[in-house]
C-alpha atoms as a PDB file:
ATOM      1  CA  UNK A   1      67.928 108.594  68.092  1.00  0.00           C
ATOM      2  CA  UNK A   2      69.052 105.457  69.950  1.00  0.00           C
ATOM      3  CA  UNK A   3      72.513 105.706  68.427  1.00  0.00           C
ATOM      4  CA  UNK A   4      72.886 109.295  69.627  1.00  0.00           C
ATOM      5  CA  UNK A   5      71.817 108.305  73.153  1.00  0.00           C
ATOM      6  CA  UNK A   6      74.431 105.509  73.181  1.00  0.00           C
ATOM      7  CA  UNK A   7      77.145 107.921  72.054  1.00  0.00           C
ATOM      8  CA  UNK A   8      76.226 110.364  74.811  1.00  0.00           C
ATOM      9  CA  UNK A   9      76.276 107.528  77.368  1.00  0.00           C
ATOM     10  CA  UNK A  10      79.668 106.386  76.052  1.00  0.00           C
ATOM     11  CA  UNK A  11      81.144 109.875  76.325  1.00  0.00           C
ATOM     12  CA  UNK A  12      79.718 110.290  79.827  1.00  0.00           C
ATOM     13  CA  UNK A  13      81.212 106.949  80.822  1.00  0.00           C
ATOM     14  CA  UNK A  14      84.631 107.930  79.507  1.00  0.00           C
ATOM     15  CA  UNK A  15      84.466 111.219  81.383  1.00  0.00           C
ATOM     16  CA  UNK A  16      83.522 109.400  84.587  1.00  0.00           C
ATOM     17  CA  UNK A  17      86.459 107.011  84.202  1.00  0.00           C
ATOM     18  CA  UNK A  18      88.815 109.923  83.553  1.00  0.00           C
ATOM     19  CA  UNK A  19      87.537 111.732  86.629  1.00  0.00           C
ATOM     20  CA  UNK A  20      88.067 108.637  88.795  1.00  0.00           C
ATOM     21  CA  UNK A  21      91.619 108.170  87.511  1.00  0.00           C
ATOM     22  CA  UNK A  22      92.458 111.812  88.241  1.00  0.00           C
ATOM     23  CA  UNK A  23      91.051 111.472  91.759  1.00  0.00           C
ATOM     24  CA  UNK A  24      93.090 108.313  92.325  1.00  0.00           C
ATOM     25  CA  UNK A  25      96.222 109.989  90.953  1.00  0.00           C
ATOM     26  CA  UNK A  26      95.721 112.928  93.318  1.00  0.00           C
ATOM     27  CA  UNK A  27      95.160 110.552  96.250  1.00  0.00           C
ATOM     28  CA  UNK A  28      98.492 108.837  95.540  1.00  0.00           C
ATOM     29  CA  UNK A  29     100.273 112.173  95.366  1.00  0.00           C
ATOM     30  CA  UNK A  30      98.670 113.373  98.578  1.00  0.00           C
ATOM     31  CA  UNK A  31      99.602 110.155 100.399  1.00  0.00           C
ATOM     32  CA  UNK A  32     103.220 110.558  99.254  1.00  0.00           C
ATOM     33  CA  UNK A  33     103.388 114.135 100.433  1.00  0.00           C
ATOM     34  CA  UNK A  34     101.761 113.339 103.789  1.00  0.00           C
ATOM     35  CA  UNK A  35     104.297 110.538 104.308  1.00  0.00           C
ATOM     36  CA  UNK A  36     107.191 112.878 103.523  1.00  0.00           C
ATOM     37  CA  UNK A  37     105.780 115.519 105.856  1.00  0.00           C
ATOM     38  CA  UNK A  38     105.156 113.173 108.793  1.00  0.00           C
ATOM     39  CA  UNK A  39     108.488 111.338 108.553  1.00  0.00           C
ATOM     40  CA  UNK A  40     110.546 114.424 107.737  1.00  0.00           C
ATOM     41  CA  UNK A  41     112.263 112.494 104.952  1.00  0.00           C
ATOM     42  CA  UNK A  42     112.814 113.407 101.329  1.00  0.00           C
ATOM     43  CA  UNK A  43     112.388 111.460  98.116  1.00  0.00           C
ATOM     44  CA  UNK A  44     114.320 111.651  94.885  1.00  0.00           C
ATOM     45  CA  UNK A  45     112.507 113.823  92.383  1.00  0.00           C
ATOM     46  CA  UNK A  46     112.345 113.886  88.620  1.00  0.00           C
ATOM     47  CA  UNK A  47     115.686 115.679  88.215  1.00  0.00           C
ATOM     48  CA  UNK A  48     117.522 113.323  90.658  1.00  0.00           C
ATOM     49  CA  UNK A  49     117.422 115.948  93.419  1.00  0.00           C
ATOM     50  CA  UNK A  50     115.925 115.396  96.854  1.00  0.00           C
ATOM     51  CA  UNK A  51     112.446 116.872  97.188  1.00  0.00           C
ATOM     52  CA  UNK A  52     109.815 117.227  99.873  1.00  0.00           C
ATOM     53  CA  UNK A  53     107.033 117.541  97.290  1.00  0.00           C
ATOM     54  CA  UNK A  54     107.154 114.366  95.212  1.00  0.00           C
ATOM     55  CA  UNK A  55     104.777 113.998  92.300  1.00  0.00           C
ATOM     56  CA  UNK A  56     102.746 110.892  91.578  1.00  0.00           C
ATOM     57  CA  UNK A  57     104.265 110.661  88.095  1.00  0.00           C
ATOM     58  CA  UNK A  58     107.800 110.532  89.455  1.00  0.00           C
ATOM     59  CA  UNK A  59     106.939 107.805  91.926  1.00  0.00           C
ATOM     60  CA  UNK A  60     105.040 105.747  89.344  1.00  0.00           C
ATOM     61  CA  UNK A  61     108.054 105.785  87.038  1.00  0.00           C
ATOM     62  CA  UNK A  62     110.191 104.424  89.868  1.00  0.00           C
ATOM     63  CA  UNK A  63     107.898 101.423  90.318  1.00  0.00           C
ATOM     64  CA  UNK A  64     107.272 100.738  86.627  1.00  0.00           C
ATOM     65  CA  UNK A  65     110.049  98.143  86.435  1.00  0.00           C
ATOM     66  CA  UNK A  66     109.369  96.383  89.758  1.00  0.00           C
ATOM     67  CA  UNK A  67     108.514  92.742  89.243  1.00  0.00           C
ATOM     68  CA  UNK A  68     107.364  90.556  92.126  1.00  0.00           C
ATOM     69  CA  UNK A  69     107.800  86.804  91.768  1.00  0.00           C
ATOM     70  CA  UNK A  70     105.432  84.550  93.708  1.00  0.00           C
ATOM     71  CA  UNK A  71     106.300  80.895  94.314  1.00  0.00           C
ATOM     72  CA  UNK A  72     103.690  79.226  96.483  1.00  0.00           C
ATOM     73  CA  UNK A  73     103.053  81.659  99.318  1.00  0.00           C
ATOM     74  CA  UNK A  74     106.509  83.276  99.111  1.00  0.00           C
ATOM     75  CA  UNK A  75     106.913  86.604  97.294  1.00  0.00           C
ATOM     76  CA  UNK A  76     110.108  88.407  96.441  1.00  0.00           C
ATOM     77  CA  UNK A  77     111.432  91.015  94.050  1.00  0.00           C
ATOM     78  CA  UNK A  78     112.817  89.586  90.825  1.00  0.00           C
ATOM     79  CA  UNK A  79     115.752  91.998  91.028  1.00  0.00           C
ATOM     80  CA  UNK A  80     117.141  94.012  93.948  1.00  0.00           C
ATOM     81  CA  UNK A  81     116.516  97.739  94.046  1.00  0.00           C
ATOM     82  CA  UNK A  82     119.347  99.783  92.519  1.00  0.00           C
ATOM     83  CA  UNK A  83     121.955 100.983  94.992  1.00  0.00           C
ATOM     84  CA  UNK A  84     121.601 104.497  93.561  1.00  0.00           C
ATOM     85  CA  UNK A  85     118.234 104.724  95.340  1.00  0.00           C
ATOM     86  CA  UNK A  86     119.060 104.789  99.074  1.00  0.00           C
ATOM     87  CA  UNK A  87     115.483 105.584 100.066  1.00  0.00           C
ATOM     88  CA  UNK A  88     114.025 102.586  98.249  1.00  0.00           C
ATOM     89  CA  UNK A  89     110.863 101.467 100.026  1.00  0.00           C
ATOM     90  CA  UNK A  90     110.863  98.240 101.985  1.00  0.00           C
ATOM     91  CA  UNK A  91     107.700  96.177 101.990  1.00  0.00           C
ATOM     92  CA  UNK A  92     106.615  93.719 104.627  1.00  0.00           C
ATOM     93  CA  UNK A  93     104.600  91.052 102.898  1.00  0.00           C
ATOM     94  CA  UNK A  94     102.703  89.048 105.461  1.00  0.00           C
ATOM     95  CA  UNK A  95     101.920  85.455 104.667  1.00  0.00           C
ATOM     96  CA  UNK A  96      98.240  84.804 104.039  1.00  0.00           C
ATOM     97  CA  UNK A  97      98.455  81.296 105.465  1.00  0.00           C
ATOM     98  CA  UNK A  98      97.109  81.032 108.944  1.00  0.00           C
END
């Protein structure tokens, strides 16, 4: 009886985690699409064509290989963005020292 209750709790927990990840994934996609709509820009899609409706999966694959190196309080990209990506995002990293 206790074992069955633990299994049910475990399954419920996994479902809750899955639901939260799907909500987060949708939030990322919505934020991308709102940005594209407000700026009037386009992003490169899955098939290397410009799109006004980017998917979260496409954008996540673009950032999968980004490595940030931190030395002290200075942060920089380990490698420059490829020149084939003209709309590569630029980040302003503010120093935390005050």
